Amino acid sequence: MTIKLDIAPTNDRELVLARIIDAPRENVYRCWTDPKLITRWFSPKPWTTPRAEMDVRTGGSSLVVMASPDGNEFPNPGVFLEVVPGRKIVLTDAYTEAWQPS
């Protein structure tokens, strides 16, 4: 079975990444929107994700904090640009709350 992703950048400043994951869409959505789940998988080992906060709605904020093996924390604030519950998430870390550039 071949699946074609029909996703393309809308301008020369946009980067689109797409991946097919053999899992129910609702589960993938939950892994990206449930802070308890994000802290389990987001960072590559030996790094960790000690904290995640999500306001999952269009215009809502996100904060994912990664920690290096020596304990230094790296906050990654962002904004949800589009949310279709259970189906779609568009987010960016180029902005923080109230559309402030990061």
PDB file of N, CA and C in Angstrom:
ATOM      1  N   MET A   1       0.838  -1.174   0.000  1.00  0.00           N
ATOM      2  CA  MET A   1       0.000   0.000   0.000  1.00  0.00           C
ATOM      3  C   MET A   1       0.886   1.242   0.000  1.00  0.00           C
ATOM      4  N   THR A   2       0.654   2.149  -0.919  1.00  0.00           N
ATOM      5  CA  THR A   2       1.390   3.396  -0.988  1.00  0.00           C
ATOM      6  C   THR A   2       0.490   4.536  -0.549  1.00  0.00           C
ATOM      7  N   ILE A   3       0.999   5.330   0.361  1.00  0.00           N
ATOM      8  CA  ILE A   3       0.254   6.490   0.843  1.00  0.00           C
ATOM      9  C   ILE A   3       0.991   7.733   0.383  1.00  0.00           C
ATOM     10  N   LYS A   4       0.296   8.619  -0.277  1.00  0.00           N
ATOM     11  CA  LYS A   4       0.888   9.865  -0.760  1.00  0.00           C
ATOM     12  C   LYS A   4       0.467  10.991   0.168  1.00  0.00           C
ATOM     13  N   LEU A   5       1.454  11.708   0.660  1.00  0.00           N
ATOM     14  CA  LEU A   5       1.176  12.878   1.485  1.00  0.00           C
ATOM     15  C   LEU A   5       1.141  14.090   0.568  1.00  0.00           C
ATOM     16  N   ASP A   6       0.010  14.727   0.502  1.00  0.00           N
ATOM     17  CA  ASP A   6      -0.153  15.895  -0.347  1.00  0.00           C
ATOM     18  C   ASP A   6      -0.029  17.166   0.506  1.00  0.00           C
ATOM     19  N   ILE A   7       1.190  17.373   1.017  1.00  0.00           N
ATOM     20  CA  ILE A   7       1.454  18.508   1.882  1.00  0.00           C
ATOM     21  C   ILE A   7       2.635  19.259   1.289  1.00  0.00           C
ATOM     22  N   ALA A   8       2.454  20.527   1.042  1.00  0.00           N
ATOM     23  CA  ALA A   8       3.526  21.331   0.456  1.00  0.00           C
ATOM     24  C   ALA A   8       3.569  22.689   1.144  1.00  0.00           C
ATOM     25  N   PRO A   9       4.760  23.278   1.230  1.00  0.00           N
ATOM     26  CA  PRO A   9       4.862  24.624   1.796  1.00  0.00           C
ATOM     27  C   PRO A   9       4.009  25.612   1.008  1.00  0.00           C
ATOM     28  N   THR A  10       3.470  26.595   1.712  1.00  0.00           N
ATOM     29  CA  THR A  10       2.657  27.610   1.040  1.00  0.00           C
ATOM     30  C   THR A  10       3.481  28.814   0.612  1.00  0.00           C
ATOM     31  N   ASN A  11       4.739  28.878   1.084  1.00  0.00           N
ATOM     32  CA  ASN A  11       5.627  29.958   0.666  1.00  0.00           C
ATOM     33  C   ASN A  11       7.067  29.516   0.884  1.00  0.00           C
ATOM     34  N   ASP A  12       8.026  30.339   0.476  1.00  0.00           N
ATOM     35  CA  ASP A  12       9.434  29.958   0.552  1.00  0.00           C
ATOM     36  C   ASP A  12      10.031  30.087   1.952  1.00  0.00           C
ATOM     37  N   ARG A  13       9.241  30.497   2.933  1.00  0.00           N
ATOM     38  CA  ARG A  13       9.719  30.622   4.312  1.00  0.00           C
ATOM     39  C   ARG A  13       9.115  29.556   5.221  1.00  0.00           C
ATOM     40  N   GLU A  14       8.377  28.637   4.655  1.00  0.00           N
ATOM     41  CA  GLU A  14       7.697  27.612   5.437  1.00  0.00           C
ATOM     42  C   GLU A  14       8.380  26.262   5.233  1.00  0.00           C
ATOM     43  N   LEU A  15       8.555  25.540   6.319  1.00  0.00           N
ATOM     44  CA  LEU A  15       9.099  24.192   6.292  1.00  0.00           C
ATOM     45  C   LEU A  15       7.991  23.238   6.701  1.00  0.00           C
ATOM     46  N   VAL A  16       7.725  22.239   5.899  1.00  0.00           N
ATOM     47  CA  VAL A  16       6.692  21.257   6.202  1.00  0.00           C
ATOM     48  C   VAL A  16       7.365  19.901   6.379  1.00  0.00           C
ATOM     49  N   LEU A  17       7.125  19.285   7.529  1.00  0.00           N
ATOM     50  CA  LEU A  17       7.613  17.938   7.800  1.00  0.00           C
ATOM     51  C   LEU A  17       6.400  17.036   7.956  1.00  0.00           C
ATOM     52  N   ALA A  18       6.415  15.916   7.286  1.00  0.00           N
ATOM     53  CA  ALA A  18       5.297  14.978   7.370  1.00  0.00           C
ATOM     54  C   ALA A  18       5.856  13.576   7.537  1.00  0.00           C
ATOM     55  N   ARG A  19       5.139  12.779   8.307  1.00  0.00           N
ATOM     56  CA  ARG A  19       5.560  11.413   8.532  1.00  0.00           C
ATOM     57  C   ARG A  19       4.331  10.540   8.716  1.00  0.00           C
ATOM     58  N   ILE A  20       4.372   9.367   8.154  1.00  0.00           N
ATOM     59  CA  ILE A  20       3.286   8.410   8.338  1.00  0.00           C
ATOM     60  C   ILE A  20       3.657   7.524   9.528  1.00  0.00           C
ATOM     61  N   ILE A  21       2.768   7.469  10.499  1.00  0.00           N
ATOM     62  CA  ILE A  21       2.980   6.661  11.700  1.00  0.00           C
ATOM     63  C   ILE A  21       1.870   5.620  11.754  1.00  0.00           C
ATOM     64  N   ASP A  22       2.270   4.382  11.873  1.00  0.00           N
ATOM     65  CA  ASP A  22       1.300   3.288  11.907  1.00  0.00           C
ATOM     66  C   ASP A  22       0.680   3.191  13.299  1.00  0.00           C
ATOM     67  N   ALA A  23      -0.205   4.153  13.592  1.00  0.00           N
ATOM     68  CA  ALA A  23      -0.889   4.211  14.884  1.00  0.00           C
ATOM     69  C   ALA A  23      -2.194   4.969  14.680  1.00  0.00           C
ATOM     70  N   PRO A  24      -3.172   4.724  15.520  1.00  0.00           N
ATOM     71  CA  PRO A  24      -4.419   5.476  15.404  1.00  0.00           C
ATOM     72  C   PRO A  24      -4.165   6.980  15.582  1.00  0.00           C
ATOM     73  N   ARG A  25      -4.769   7.769  14.729  1.00  0.00           N
ATOM     74  CA  ARG A  25      -4.598   9.221  14.740  1.00  0.00           C
ATOM     75  C   ARG A  25      -4.859   9.817  16.119  1.00  0.00           C
ATOM     76  N   GLU A  26      -5.882   9.326  16.804  1.00  0.00           N
ATOM     77  CA  GLU A  26      -6.234   9.852  18.122  1.00  0.00           C
ATOM     78  C   GLU A  26      -5.102   9.637  19.130  1.00  0.00           C
ATOM     79  N   ASN A  27      -4.410   8.496  19.022  1.00  0.00           N
ATOM     80  CA  ASN A  27      -3.297   8.218  19.934  1.00  0.00           C
ATOM     81  C   ASN A  27      -2.120   9.152  19.677  1.00  0.00           C
ATOM     82  N   VAL A  28      -1.813   9.384  18.415  1.00  0.00           N
ATOM     83  CA  VAL A  28      -0.716  10.294  18.071  1.00  0.00           C
ATOM     84  C   VAL A  28      -1.061  11.708  18.543  1.00  0.00           C
ATOM     85  N   TYR A  29      -2.286  12.122  18.315  1.00  0.00           N
ATOM     86  CA  TYR A  29      -2.741  13.441  18.774  1.00  0.00           C
ATOM     87  C   TYR A  29      -2.563  13.554  20.292  1.00  0.00           C
ATOM     88  N   ARG A  30      -2.973  12.533  21.021  1.00  0.00           N
ATOM     89  CA  ARG A  30      -2.870  12.558  22.487  1.00  0.00           C
ATOM     90  C   ARG A  30      -1.410  12.620  22.939  1.00  0.00           C
ATOM     91  N   CYS A  31      -0.523  11.918  22.244  1.00  0.00           N
ATOM     92  CA  CYS A  31       0.899  11.955  22.612  1.00  0.00           C
ATOM     93  C   CYS A  31       1.498  13.344  22.431  1.00  0.00           C
ATOM     94  N   TRP A  32       0.959  14.139  21.514  1.00  0.00           N
ATOM     95  CA  TRP A  32       1.452  15.502  21.285  1.00  0.00           C
ATOM     96  C   TRP A  32       0.734  16.540  22.139  1.00  0.00           C
ATOM     97  N   THR A  33      -0.361  16.178  22.793  1.00  0.00           N
ATOM     98  CA  THR A  33      -1.140  17.180  23.534  1.00  0.00           C
ATOM     99  C   THR A  33      -1.272  16.890  25.025  1.00  0.00           C
ATOM    100  N   ASP A  34      -0.880  15.722  25.474  1.00  0.00           N
ATOM    101  CA  ASP A  34      -0.967  15.366  26.887  1.00  0.00           C
ATOM    102  C   ASP A  34       0.415  15.568  27.523  1.00  0.00           C
ATOM    103  N   PRO A  35       0.566  16.565  28.390  1.00  0.00           N
ATOM    104  CA  PRO A  35       1.878  16.843  28.990  1.00  0.00           C
ATOM    105  C   PRO A  35       2.513  15.630  29.676  1.00  0.00           C
ATOM    106  N   LYS A  36       1.704  14.772  30.296  1.00  0.00           N
ATOM    107  CA  LYS A  36       2.261  13.590  30.953  1.00  0.00           C
ATOM    108  C   LYS A  36       2.902  12.637  29.942  1.00  0.00           C
ATOM    109  N   LEU A  37       2.326  12.556  28.745  1.00  0.00           N
ATOM    110  CA  LEU A  37       2.898  11.688  27.712  1.00  0.00           C
ATOM    111  C   LEU A  37       4.117  12.329  27.056  1.00  0.00           C
ATOM    112  N   ILE A  38       4.070  13.629  26.813  1.00  0.00           N
ATOM    113  CA  ILE A  38       5.216  14.311  26.190  1.00  0.00           C
ATOM    114  C   ILE A  38       6.471  14.142  27.039  1.00  0.00           C
ATOM    115  N   THR A  39       6.330  14.213  28.352  1.00  0.00           N
ATOM    116  CA  THR A  39       7.510  14.080  29.208  1.00  0.00           C
ATOM    117  C   THR A  39       8.131  12.681  29.117  1.00  0.00           C
ATOM    118  N   ARG A  40       7.389  11.720  28.603  1.00  0.00           N
ATOM    119  CA  ARG A  40       7.906  10.353  28.484  1.00  0.00           C
ATOM    120  C   ARG A  40       8.677  10.116  27.194  1.00  0.00           C
ATOM    121  N   TRP A  41       8.392  10.887  26.110  1.00  0.00           N
ATOM    122  CA  TRP A  41       8.993  10.532  24.822  1.00  0.00           C
ATOM    123  C   TRP A  41       9.708  11.676  24.103  1.00  0.00           C
ATOM    124  N   PHE A  42       9.507  12.919  24.486  1.00  0.00           N
ATOM    125  CA  PHE A  42       9.931  14.051  23.661  1.00  0.00           C
ATOM    126  C   PHE A  42      11.446  14.154  23.457  1.00  0.00           C
ATOM    127  N   SER A  43      12.230  13.954  24.486  1.00  0.00           N
ATOM    128  CA  SER A  43      13.680  14.162  24.400  1.00  0.00           C
ATOM    129  C   SER A  43      14.411  12.873  24.065  1.00  0.00           C
ATOM    130  N   PRO A  44      15.457  12.999  23.232  1.00  0.00           N
ATOM    131  CA  PRO A  44      16.270  11.813  22.940  1.00  0.00           C
ATOM    132  C   PRO A  44      17.140  11.474  24.153  1.00  0.00           C
ATOM    133  N   LYS A  45      17.237  10.206  24.476  1.00  0.00           N
ATOM    134  CA  LYS A  45      18.064   9.777  25.603  1.00  0.00           C
ATOM    135  C   LYS A  45      19.521  10.086  25.299  1.00  0.00           C
ATOM    136  N   PRO A  46      20.309  10.529  26.239  1.00  0.00           N
ATOM    137  CA  PRO A  46      20.100  10.521  27.678  1.00  0.00           C
ATOM    138  C   PRO A  46      19.436  11.799  28.217  1.00  0.00           C
ATOM    139  N   TRP A  47      18.952  12.656  27.339  1.00  0.00           N
ATOM    140  CA  TRP A  47      18.226  13.852  27.775  1.00  0.00           C
ATOM    141  C   TRP A  47      16.873  13.437  28.347  1.00  0.00           C
ATOM    142  N   THR A  48      16.246  14.362  29.087  1.00  0.00           N
ATOM    143  CA  THR A  48      14.931  14.106  29.655  1.00  0.00           C
ATOM    144  C   THR A  48      14.026  15.308  29.395  1.00  0.00           C
ATOM    145  N   THR A  49      12.745  15.123  29.672  1.00  0.00           N
ATOM    146  CA  THR A  49      11.760  16.206  29.583  1.00  0.00           C
ATOM    147  C   THR A  49      11.098  16.320  30.952  1.00  0.00           C
ATOM    148  N   PRO A  50      11.656  17.160  31.826  1.00  0.00           N
ATOM    149  CA  PRO A  50      11.122  17.227  33.188  1.00  0.00           C
ATOM    150  C   PRO A  50       9.768  17.911  33.299  1.00  0.00           C
ATOM    151  N   ARG A  51       9.401  18.735  32.301  1.00  0.00           N
ATOM    152  CA  ARG A  51       8.150  19.495  32.432  1.00  0.00           C
ATOM    153  C   ARG A  51       7.577  19.814  31.059  1.00  0.00           C
ATOM    154  N   ALA A  52       6.253  19.764  30.990  1.00  0.00           N
ATOM    155  CA  ALA A  52       5.537  20.186  29.784  1.00  0.00           C
ATOM    156  C   ALA A  52       4.215  20.800  30.211  1.00  0.00           C
ATOM    157  N   GLU A  53       3.851  21.893  29.563  1.00  0.00           N
ATOM    158  CA  GLU A  53       2.583  22.574  29.816  1.00  0.00           C
ATOM    159  C   GLU A  53       1.920  22.833  28.470  1.00  0.00           C
ATOM    160  N   MET A  54       0.626  22.570  28.384  1.00  0.00           N
ATOM    161  CA  MET A  54      -0.091  22.716  27.124  1.00  0.00           C
ATOM    162  C   MET A  54      -1.434  23.402  27.316  1.00  0.00           C
ATOM    163  N   ASP A  55      -1.699  24.405  26.515  1.00  0.00           N
ATOM    164  CA  ASP A  55      -3.020  25.022  26.401  1.00  0.00           C
ATOM    165  C   ASP A  55      -3.456  24.724  24.968  1.00  0.00           C
ATOM    166  N   VAL A  56      -4.009  23.525  24.775  1.00  0.00           N
ATOM    167  CA  VAL A  56      -4.259  22.985  23.439  1.00  0.00           C
ATOM    168  C   VAL A  56      -5.521  23.593  22.839  1.00  0.00           C
ATOM    169  N   ARG A  57      -5.319  24.670  22.096  1.00  0.00           N
ATOM    170  CA  ARG A  57      -6.375  25.360  21.350  1.00  0.00           C
ATOM    171  C   ARG A  57      -5.669  26.300  20.390  1.00  0.00           C
ATOM    172  N   THR A  58      -6.327  26.662  19.320  1.00  0.00           N
ATOM    173  CA  THR A  58      -5.738  27.613  18.394  1.00  0.00           C
ATOM    174  C   THR A  58      -5.417  28.903  19.143  1.00  0.00           C
ATOM    175  N   GLY A  59      -4.151  29.322  19.079  1.00  0.00           N
ATOM    176  CA  GLY A  59      -3.688  30.491  19.818  1.00  0.00           C
ATOM    177  C   GLY A  59      -3.176  30.175  21.198  1.00  0.00           C
ATOM    178  N   GLY A  60      -3.344  28.932  21.660  1.00  0.00           N
ATOM    179  CA  GLY A  60      -2.870  28.529  22.976  1.00  0.00           C
ATOM    180  C   GLY A  60      -1.363  28.328  22.997  1.00  0.00           C
ATOM    181  N   SER A  61      -0.798  28.309  24.187  1.00  0.00           N
ATOM    182  CA  SER A  61       0.648  28.196  24.316  1.00  0.00           C
ATOM    183  C   SER A  61       1.069  26.782  24.696  1.00  0.00           C
ATOM    184  N   SER A  62       2.332  26.516  24.440  1.00  0.00           N
ATOM    185  CA  SER A  62       2.929  25.263  24.881  1.00  0.00           C
ATOM    186  C   SER A  62       4.300  25.579  25.471  1.00  0.00           C
ATOM    187  N   LEU A  63       4.734  24.744  26.382  1.00  0.00           N
ATOM    188  CA  LEU A  63       6.075  24.848  26.942  1.00  0.00           C
ATOM    189  C   LEU A  63       6.564  23.436  27.195  1.00  0.00           C
ATOM    190  N   VAL A  64       7.648  23.085  26.534  1.00  0.00           N
ATOM    191  CA  VAL A  64       8.285  21.792  26.751  1.00  0.00           C
ATOM    192  C   VAL A  64       9.712  22.093  27.198  1.00  0.00           C
ATOM    193  N   VAL A  65      10.088  21.585  28.352  1.00  0.00           N
ATOM    194  CA  VAL A  65      11.416  21.831  28.909  1.00  0.00           C
ATOM    195  C   VAL A  65      12.242  20.556  28.785  1.00  0.00           C
ATOM    196  N   MET A  66      13.346  20.664  28.053  1.00  0.00           N
ATOM    197  CA  MET A  66      14.273  19.546  27.925  1.00  0.00           C
ATOM    198  C   MET A  66      15.427  19.766  28.895  1.00  0.00           C
ATOM    199  N   ALA A  67      15.998  18.675  29.411  1.00  0.00           N
ATOM    200  CA  ALA A  67      17.136  18.765  30.317  1.00  0.00           C
ATOM    201  C   ALA A  67      18.272  17.887  29.809  1.00  0.00           C
ATOM    202  N   SER A  68      19.461  18.465  29.799  1.00  0.00           N
ATOM    203  CA  SER A  68      20.645  17.722  29.371  1.00  0.00           C
ATOM    204  C   SER A  68      21.059  16.750  30.483  1.00  0.00           C
ATOM    205  N   PRO A  69      21.929  15.808  30.163  1.00  0.00           N
ATOM    206  CA  PRO A  69      22.375  14.851  31.184  1.00  0.00           C
ATOM    207  C   PRO A  69      23.009  15.521  32.406  1.00  0.00           C
ATOM    208  N   ASP A  70      23.595  16.716  32.224  1.00  0.00           N
ATOM    209  CA  ASP A  70      24.200  17.405  33.371  1.00  0.00           C
ATOM    210  C   ASP A  70      23.213  18.306  34.099  1.00  0.00           C
ATOM    211  N   GLY A  71      21.931  18.270  33.712  1.00  0.00           N
ATOM    212  CA  GLY A  71      20.895  18.984  34.446  1.00  0.00           C
ATOM    213  C   GLY A  71      20.535  20.367  33.930  1.00  0.00           C
ATOM    214  N   ASN A  72      21.218  20.847  32.898  1.00  0.00           N
ATOM    215  CA  ASN A  72      20.851  22.149  32.329  1.00  0.00           C
ATOM    216  C   ASN A  72      19.513  22.030  31.611  1.00  0.00           C
ATOM    217  N   GLU A  73      18.622  22.997  31.874  1.00  0.00           N
ATOM    218  CA  GLU A  73      17.293  22.962  31.260  1.00  0.00           C
ATOM    219  C   GLU A  73      17.217  23.908  30.072  1.00  0.00           C
ATOM    220  N   PHE A  74      16.475  23.475  29.058  1.00  0.00           N
ATOM    221  CA  PHE A  74      16.285  24.229  27.836  1.00  0.00           C
ATOM    222  C   PHE A  74      14.791  24.342  27.555  1.00  0.00           C
ATOM    223  N   PRO A  75      14.165  25.468  27.933  1.00  0.00           N
ATOM    224  CA  PRO A  75      12.732  25.644  27.692  1.00  0.00           C
ATOM    225  C   PRO A  75      12.458  25.871  26.207  1.00  0.00           C
ATOM    226  N   ASN A  76      11.382  25.303  25.738  1.00  0.00           N
ATOM    227  CA  ASN A  76      10.979  25.418  24.346  1.00  0.00           C
ATOM    228  C   ASN A  76       9.529  25.906  24.314  1.00  0.00           C
ATOM    229  N   PRO A  77       9.313  27.248  24.408  1.00  0.00           N
ATOM    230  CA  PRO A  77       7.946  27.776  24.373  1.00  0.00           C
ATOM    231  C   PRO A  77       7.433  27.847  22.938  1.00  0.00           C
ATOM    232  N   GLY A  78       6.129  27.747  22.783  1.00  0.00           N
ATOM    233  CA  GLY A  78       5.542  27.830  21.451  1.00  0.00           C
ATOM    234  C   GLY A  78       4.075  28.197  21.495  1.00  0.00           C
ATOM    235  N   VAL A  79       3.475  28.213  20.307  1.00  0.00           N
ATOM    236  CA  VAL A  79       2.068  28.585  20.141  1.00  0.00           C
ATOM    237  C   VAL A  79       1.406  27.578  19.203  1.00  0.00           C
ATOM    238  N   PHE A  80       0.190  27.172  19.549  1.00  0.00           N
ATOM    239  CA  PHE A  80      -0.613  26.332  18.657  1.00  0.00           C
ATOM    240  C   PHE A  80      -1.257  27.236  17.613  1.00  0.00           C
ATOM    241  N   LEU A  81      -0.953  27.007  16.344  1.00  0.00           N
ATOM    242  CA  LEU A  81      -1.504  27.818  15.262  1.00  0.00           C
ATOM    243  C   LEU A  81      -2.864  27.310  14.797  1.00  0.00           C
ATOM    244  N   GLU A  82      -3.029  25.986  14.850  1.00  0.00           N
ATOM    245  CA  GLU A  82      -4.307  25.372  14.456  1.00  0.00           C
ATOM    246  C   GLU A  82      -4.471  24.079  15.225  1.00  0.00           C
ATOM    247  N   VAL A  83      -5.678  23.858  15.736  1.00  0.00           N
ATOM    248  CA  VAL A  83      -5.981  22.628  16.462  1.00  0.00           C
ATOM    249  C   VAL A  83      -7.338  22.117  15.986  1.00  0.00           C
ATOM    250  N   VAL A  84      -7.346  20.883  15.521  1.00  0.00           N
ATOM    251  CA  VAL A  84      -8.581  20.165  15.216  1.00  0.00           C
ATOM    252  C   VAL A  84      -8.557  18.958  16.152  1.00  0.00           C
ATOM    253  N   PRO A  85      -9.315  19.005  17.254  1.00  0.00           N
ATOM    254  CA  PRO A  85      -9.221  17.977  18.283  1.00  0.00           C
ATOM    255  C   PRO A  85      -9.254  16.547  17.728  1.00  0.00           C
ATOM    256  N   GLY A  86      -8.282  15.780  18.179  1.00  0.00           N
ATOM    257  CA  GLY A  86      -8.194  14.378  17.782  1.00  0.00           C
ATOM    258  C   GLY A  86      -7.650  14.142  16.392  1.00  0.00           C
ATOM    259  N   ARG A  87      -7.369  15.209  15.618  1.00  0.00           N
ATOM    260  CA  ARG A  87      -6.997  15.017  14.214  1.00  0.00           C
ATOM    261  C   ARG A  87      -5.775  15.792  13.748  1.00  0.00           C
ATOM    262  N   LYS A  88      -5.638  17.035  14.173  1.00  0.00           N
ATOM    263  CA  LYS A  88      -4.600  17.871  13.563  1.00  0.00           C
ATOM    264  C   LYS A  88      -4.063  18.895  14.552  1.00  0.00           C
ATOM    265  N   ILE A  89      -2.733  19.096  14.494  1.00  0.00           N
ATOM    266  CA  ILE A  89      -2.075  20.119  15.299  1.00  0.00           C
ATOM    267  C   ILE A  89      -1.071  20.830  14.405  1.00  0.00           C
ATOM    268  N   VAL A  90      -1.125  22.141  14.409  1.00  0.00           N
ATOM    269  CA  VAL A  90      -0.101  22.962  13.753  1.00  0.00           C
ATOM    270  C   VAL A  90       0.457  23.852  14.851  1.00  0.00           C
ATOM    271  N   LEU A  91       1.772  23.735  15.104  1.00  0.00           N
ATOM    272  CA  LEU A  91       2.359  24.535  16.167  1.00  0.00           C
ATOM    273  C   LEU A  91       3.707  25.081  15.726  1.00  0.00           C
ATOM    274  N   THR A  92       4.172  26.088  16.440  1.00  0.00           N
ATOM    275  CA  THR A  92       5.462  26.684  16.135  1.00  0.00           C
ATOM    276  C   THR A  92       6.164  27.063  17.426  1.00  0.00           C
ATOM    277  N   ASP A  93       7.484  27.036  17.390  1.00  0.00           N
ATOM    278  CA  ASP A  93       8.247  27.571  18.517  1.00  0.00           C
ATOM    279  C   ASP A  93       8.944  28.866  18.091  1.00  0.00           C
ATOM    280  N   ALA A  94       8.530  29.409  16.950  1.00  0.00           N
ATOM    281  CA  ALA A  94       9.062  30.701  16.497  1.00  0.00           C
ATOM    282  C   ALA A  94       8.398  31.851  17.236  1.00  0.00           C
ATOM    283  N   TYR A  95       7.276  31.568  17.886  1.00  0.00           N
ATOM    284  CA  TYR A  95       6.555  32.569  18.677  1.00  0.00           C
ATOM    285  C   TYR A  95       6.278  32.006  20.061  1.00  0.00           C
ATOM    286  N   THR A  96       6.050  32.909  20.996  1.00  0.00           N
ATOM    287  CA  THR A  96       5.642  32.509  22.336  1.00  0.00           C
ATOM    288  C   THR A  96       4.245  33.073  22.564  1.00  0.00           C
ATOM    289  N   GLU A  97       3.802  33.122  23.805  1.00  0.00           N
ATOM    290  CA  GLU A  97       2.459  33.612  24.076  1.00  0.00           C
ATOM    291  C   GLU A  97       2.258  35.021  23.534  1.00  0.00           C
ATOM    292  N   ALA A  98       1.023  35.334  23.181  1.00  0.00           N
ATOM    293  CA  ALA A  98       0.638  36.646  22.635  1.00  0.00           C
ATOM    294  C   ALA A  98       1.422  36.967  21.356  1.00  0.00           C
ATOM    295  N   TRP A  99       1.867  35.928  20.634  1.00  0.00           N
ATOM    296  CA  TRP A  99       2.532  36.076  19.353  1.00  0.00           C
ATOM    297  C   TRP A  99       3.844  36.860  19.434  1.00  0.00           C
ATOM    298  N   GLN A 100       4.490  36.823  20.584  1.00  0.00           N
ATOM    299  CA  GLN A 100       5.812  37.427  20.737  1.00  0.00           C
ATOM    300  C   GLN A 100       6.841  36.521  20.074  1.00  0.00           C
ATOM    301  N   PRO A 101       7.733  37.077  19.225  1.00  0.00           N
ATOM    302  CA  PRO A 101       8.786  36.231  18.635  1.00  0.00           C
ATOM    303  C   PRO A 101       9.660  35.615  19.723  1.00  0.00           C
ATOM    304  N   SER A 102      10.069  34.370  19.517  1.00  0.00           N
ATOM    305  CA  SER A 102      10.902  33.712  20.529  1.00  0.00           C
ATOM    306  C   SER A 102      12.368  34.005  20.321  1.00  0.00           C
TER     307      SER A 102
END
